[in-house]
Amino acid sequence: MQGTEFLIVLGSGALLLGLATIIWISLTKRRGYGTPNWPSIEGQIVSACVSELTRETPEGMVSSFTPVVRYEYALDGEVYQSDRLNILSDEHHTFDDRRLAEDVVAKYRPGAGIDVFYNLANPKQAVLSLPRPSAHNAVLAFGVTNLIAGASVLALGILLL
């Protein structure tokens, strides 16, 4: 394969990869990973405490501490309760140090109003914080970079024909 043909093939491949990545990330961001699109509603903190779990390990007894924040919110005349802080599993906010769990709990005073983000398709699913889609943005940047580089290499290959 000659140099100009190689540039055309390489540019076309990068262009198509970039385009496919942009389309894919746009669809997934809107569809299955749509938590950033969850609306919010005013809720109220019911309780906030630290739960301690002690278990035996080969190294001896070990304690872990999990902040438990229970809140409620009303939607279409129905009252819902949840204790999810975010969409990550509980193990992502379980700490070895009690003070770290207490720092989380300190942000939530019982009786205080709070924004609750809920799933339109299933209002029982709710969280107090939503992650920012930084991974989506990185993949989108990868797609745009491939699109621009592919178009540039393709144009160069066509010009050199």
Protein backbone atom coordinates (compact mmCIF):
# COMPACT_ATOMS: atom_id res chain seq x y z
CA MET A 1 0.00 0.00 0.00
CA GLN A 2 1.40 3.39 -0.95
CA GLY A 3 1.79 6.26 1.52
CA THR A 4 -1.21 8.27 0.33
CA GLU A 5 -3.51 5.24 0.35
CA PHE A 6 -2.31 4.40 3.85
CA LEU A 7 -3.14 7.96 4.99
CA ILE A 8 -6.63 7.70 3.49
CA VAL A 9 -7.29 4.34 5.18
CA LEU A 10 -5.82 5.51 8.50
CA GLY A 11 -7.73 8.80 8.40
CA SER A 12 -10.99 7.05 7.48
CA GLY A 13 -10.56 4.55 10.31
CA ALA A 14 -9.84 7.25 12.90
CA LEU A 15 -12.73 9.35 11.59
CA LEU A 16 -15.15 6.41 11.85
CA LEU A 17 -13.85 5.46 15.30
CA GLY A 18 -14.34 9.02 16.50
CA LEU A 19 -17.82 9.24 15.04
CA ALA A 20 -18.85 5.86 16.52
CA THR A 21 -17.48 6.87 19.95
CA ILE A 22 -19.39 10.17 19.93
CA ILE A 23 -22.64 8.47 18.94
CA TRP A 24 -22.18 5.69 21.52
CA ILE A 25 -21.38 8.04 24.41
CA SER A 26 -24.28 10.32 23.52
CA LEU A 27 -26.73 7.40 23.59
CA THR A 28 -25.43 5.86 26.82
CA LYS A 29 -25.29 9.19 28.59
CA ARG A 30 -28.93 9.80 27.77
CA ARG A 31 -30.20 6.24 28.29
CA GLY A 32 -28.83 3.73 30.81
CA TYR A 33 -26.45 6.08 32.52
CA GLY A 34 -29.03 8.83 32.78
CA THR A 35 -28.69 9.54 36.49
CA PRO A 36 -27.32 13.04 35.75
CA ASN A 37 -30.76 13.71 34.26
CA TRP A 38 -32.67 12.71 37.40
CA PRO A 39 -34.83 15.62 38.58
CA SER A 40 -34.68 16.84 42.15
CA ILE A 41 -37.39 17.49 44.69
CA GLU A 42 -37.32 18.95 48.19
CA GLY A 43 -37.00 16.27 50.86
CA GLN A 44 -36.34 16.14 54.57
CA ILE A 45 -33.71 14.37 56.65
CA VAL A 46 -35.38 11.88 59.01
CA SER A 47 -32.29 10.58 60.79
CA ALA A 48 -28.52 10.52 60.47
CA CYS A 49 -26.18 8.24 62.39
CA VAL A 50 -23.09 6.06 62.05
CA SER A 51 -23.53 2.30 61.89
CA GLU A 52 -20.65 0.19 63.23
CA LEU A 53 -19.97 -3.34 62.03
CA THR A 54 -17.42 -5.43 63.91
CA ARG A 55 -16.19 -8.64 62.34
CA GLU A 56 -13.50 -11.17 63.06
CA THR A 57 -10.62 -11.41 60.60
CA PRO A 58 -7.33 -13.31 60.66
CA GLU A 59 -5.77 -10.13 62.09
CA GLY A 60 -8.35 -9.96 64.90
CA MET A 61 -11.55 -7.96 65.41
CA VAL A 62 -12.01 -5.15 62.87
CA SER A 63 -14.65 -2.42 62.87
CA SER A 64 -16.01 -0.50 59.90
CA PHE A 65 -18.25 2.55 60.02
CA THR A 66 -21.01 3.47 57.58
CA PRO A 67 -22.92 6.75 57.57
CA VAL A 68 -26.67 6.05 57.46
CA VAL A 69 -28.79 9.00 56.40
CA ARG A 70 -32.51 8.34 56.10
CA TYR A 71 -34.63 10.91 54.28
CA GLU A 72 -38.11 11.19 52.87
CA TYR A 73 -39.69 12.99 49.96
CA ALA A 74 -43.22 13.29 48.60
CA LEU A 75 -44.04 12.87 44.94
CA ASP A 76 -47.51 12.82 43.40
CA GLY A 77 -49.12 12.45 46.81
CA GLU A 78 -46.99 9.47 47.83
CA VAL A 79 -44.27 9.64 50.50
CA TYR A 80 -41.05 7.75 49.83
CA GLN A 81 -38.09 7.03 52.09
CA SER A 82 -34.51 6.18 51.17
CA ASP A 83 -31.07 5.99 52.71
CA ARG A 84 -28.95 6.07 49.53
CA LEU A 85 -26.38 8.83 49.56
CA ASN A 86 -25.39 8.25 45.93
CA ILE A 87 -25.60 5.56 43.26
CA LEU A 88 -22.42 3.83 44.41
CA SER A 89 -22.71 0.72 46.54
CA ASP A 90 -22.52 1.04 50.34
CA GLU A 91 -18.95 -0.26 50.39
CA HIS A 92 -17.88 3.00 48.73
CA HIS A 93 -18.91 4.96 51.79
CA THR A 94 -17.84 2.58 54.53
CA PHE A 95 -14.81 3.73 56.48
CA ASP A 96 -12.22 2.21 58.79
CA ASP A 97 -12.12 5.47 60.76
CA ARG A 98 -15.26 6.49 62.68
CA ARG A 99 -14.42 10.19 62.30
CA LEU A 100 -14.70 9.98 58.50
CA ALA A 101 -18.20 8.49 58.75
CA GLU A 102 -19.15 11.09 61.36
CA ASP A 103 -17.96 13.86 59.01
CA VAL A 104 -20.42 12.60 56.40
CA VAL A 105 -23.28 12.38 58.92
CA ALA A 106 -22.54 15.90 60.21
CA LYS A 107 -23.66 17.33 56.86
CA TYR A 108 -27.20 16.01 57.39
CA ARG A 109 -29.14 17.40 60.36
CA PRO A 110 -32.45 15.61 61.12
CA GLY A 111 -35.38 17.82 60.16
CA ALA A 112 -33.37 19.80 57.63
CA GLY A 113 -34.55 20.20 54.06
CA ILE A 114 -32.47 18.57 51.33
CA ASP A 115 -32.53 18.17 47.56
CA VAL A 116 -33.39 14.58 46.64
CA PHE A 117 -32.64 13.31 43.14
CA TYR A 118 -35.06 10.60 42.00
CA ASN A 119 -35.53 8.29 39.05
CA LEU A 120 -38.51 9.36 36.93
CA ALA A 121 -39.05 5.76 35.80
CA ASN A 122 -38.94 4.44 39.39
CA PRO A 123 -39.52 7.17 42.01
CA LYS A 124 -38.52 4.76 44.82
CA GLN A 125 -34.92 5.12 43.62
CA ALA A 126 -33.42 8.27 45.07
CA VAL A 127 -30.04 9.67 46.07
CA LEU A 128 -28.75 12.81 47.74
CA SER A 129 -25.86 13.40 45.34
CA LEU A 130 -25.26 12.58 41.72
CA PRO A 131 -21.85 11.94 40.25
CA ARG A 132 -20.66 14.23 37.52
CA PRO A 133 -20.14 12.30 34.29
CA SER A 134 -16.38 12.90 34.05
CA ALA A 135 -15.79 9.49 32.46
CA HIS A 136 -18.36 10.30 29.81
CA ASN A 137 -16.62 13.58 29.11
CA ALA A 138 -13.23 11.86 28.77
CA VAL A 139 -14.64 9.34 26.28
CA LEU A 140 -16.37 12.16 24.41
CA ALA A 141 -13.06 14.05 24.21
CA PHE A 142 -11.40 10.87 22.88
CA GLY A 143 -14.09 10.63 20.18
CA VAL A 144 -13.76 14.27 19.17
CA THR A 145 -9.96 13.98 19.05
CA ASN A 146 -10.21 10.91 16.81
CA LEU A 147 -12.75 12.65 14.60
CA ILE A 148 -10.53 15.72 14.12
CA ALA A 149 -7.32 13.72 13.66
CA GLY A 150 -9.02 11.30 11.27
CA ALA A 151 -10.46 14.14 9.17
CA SER A 152 -7.04 15.84 9.07
CA VAL A 153 -5.17 12.68 8.03
CA LEU A 154 -7.85 11.84 5.46
CA ALA A 155 -7.68 15.33 4.00
CA LEU A 156 -3.89 15.12 3.82
CA GLY A 157 -4.10 11.74 2.05
CA ILE A 158 -6.58 13.12 -0.50
CA LEU A 159 -4.45 16.24 -1.11
CA LEU A 160 -1.36 14.09 -1.75
CA LEU A 161 -3.16 11.89 -4.32
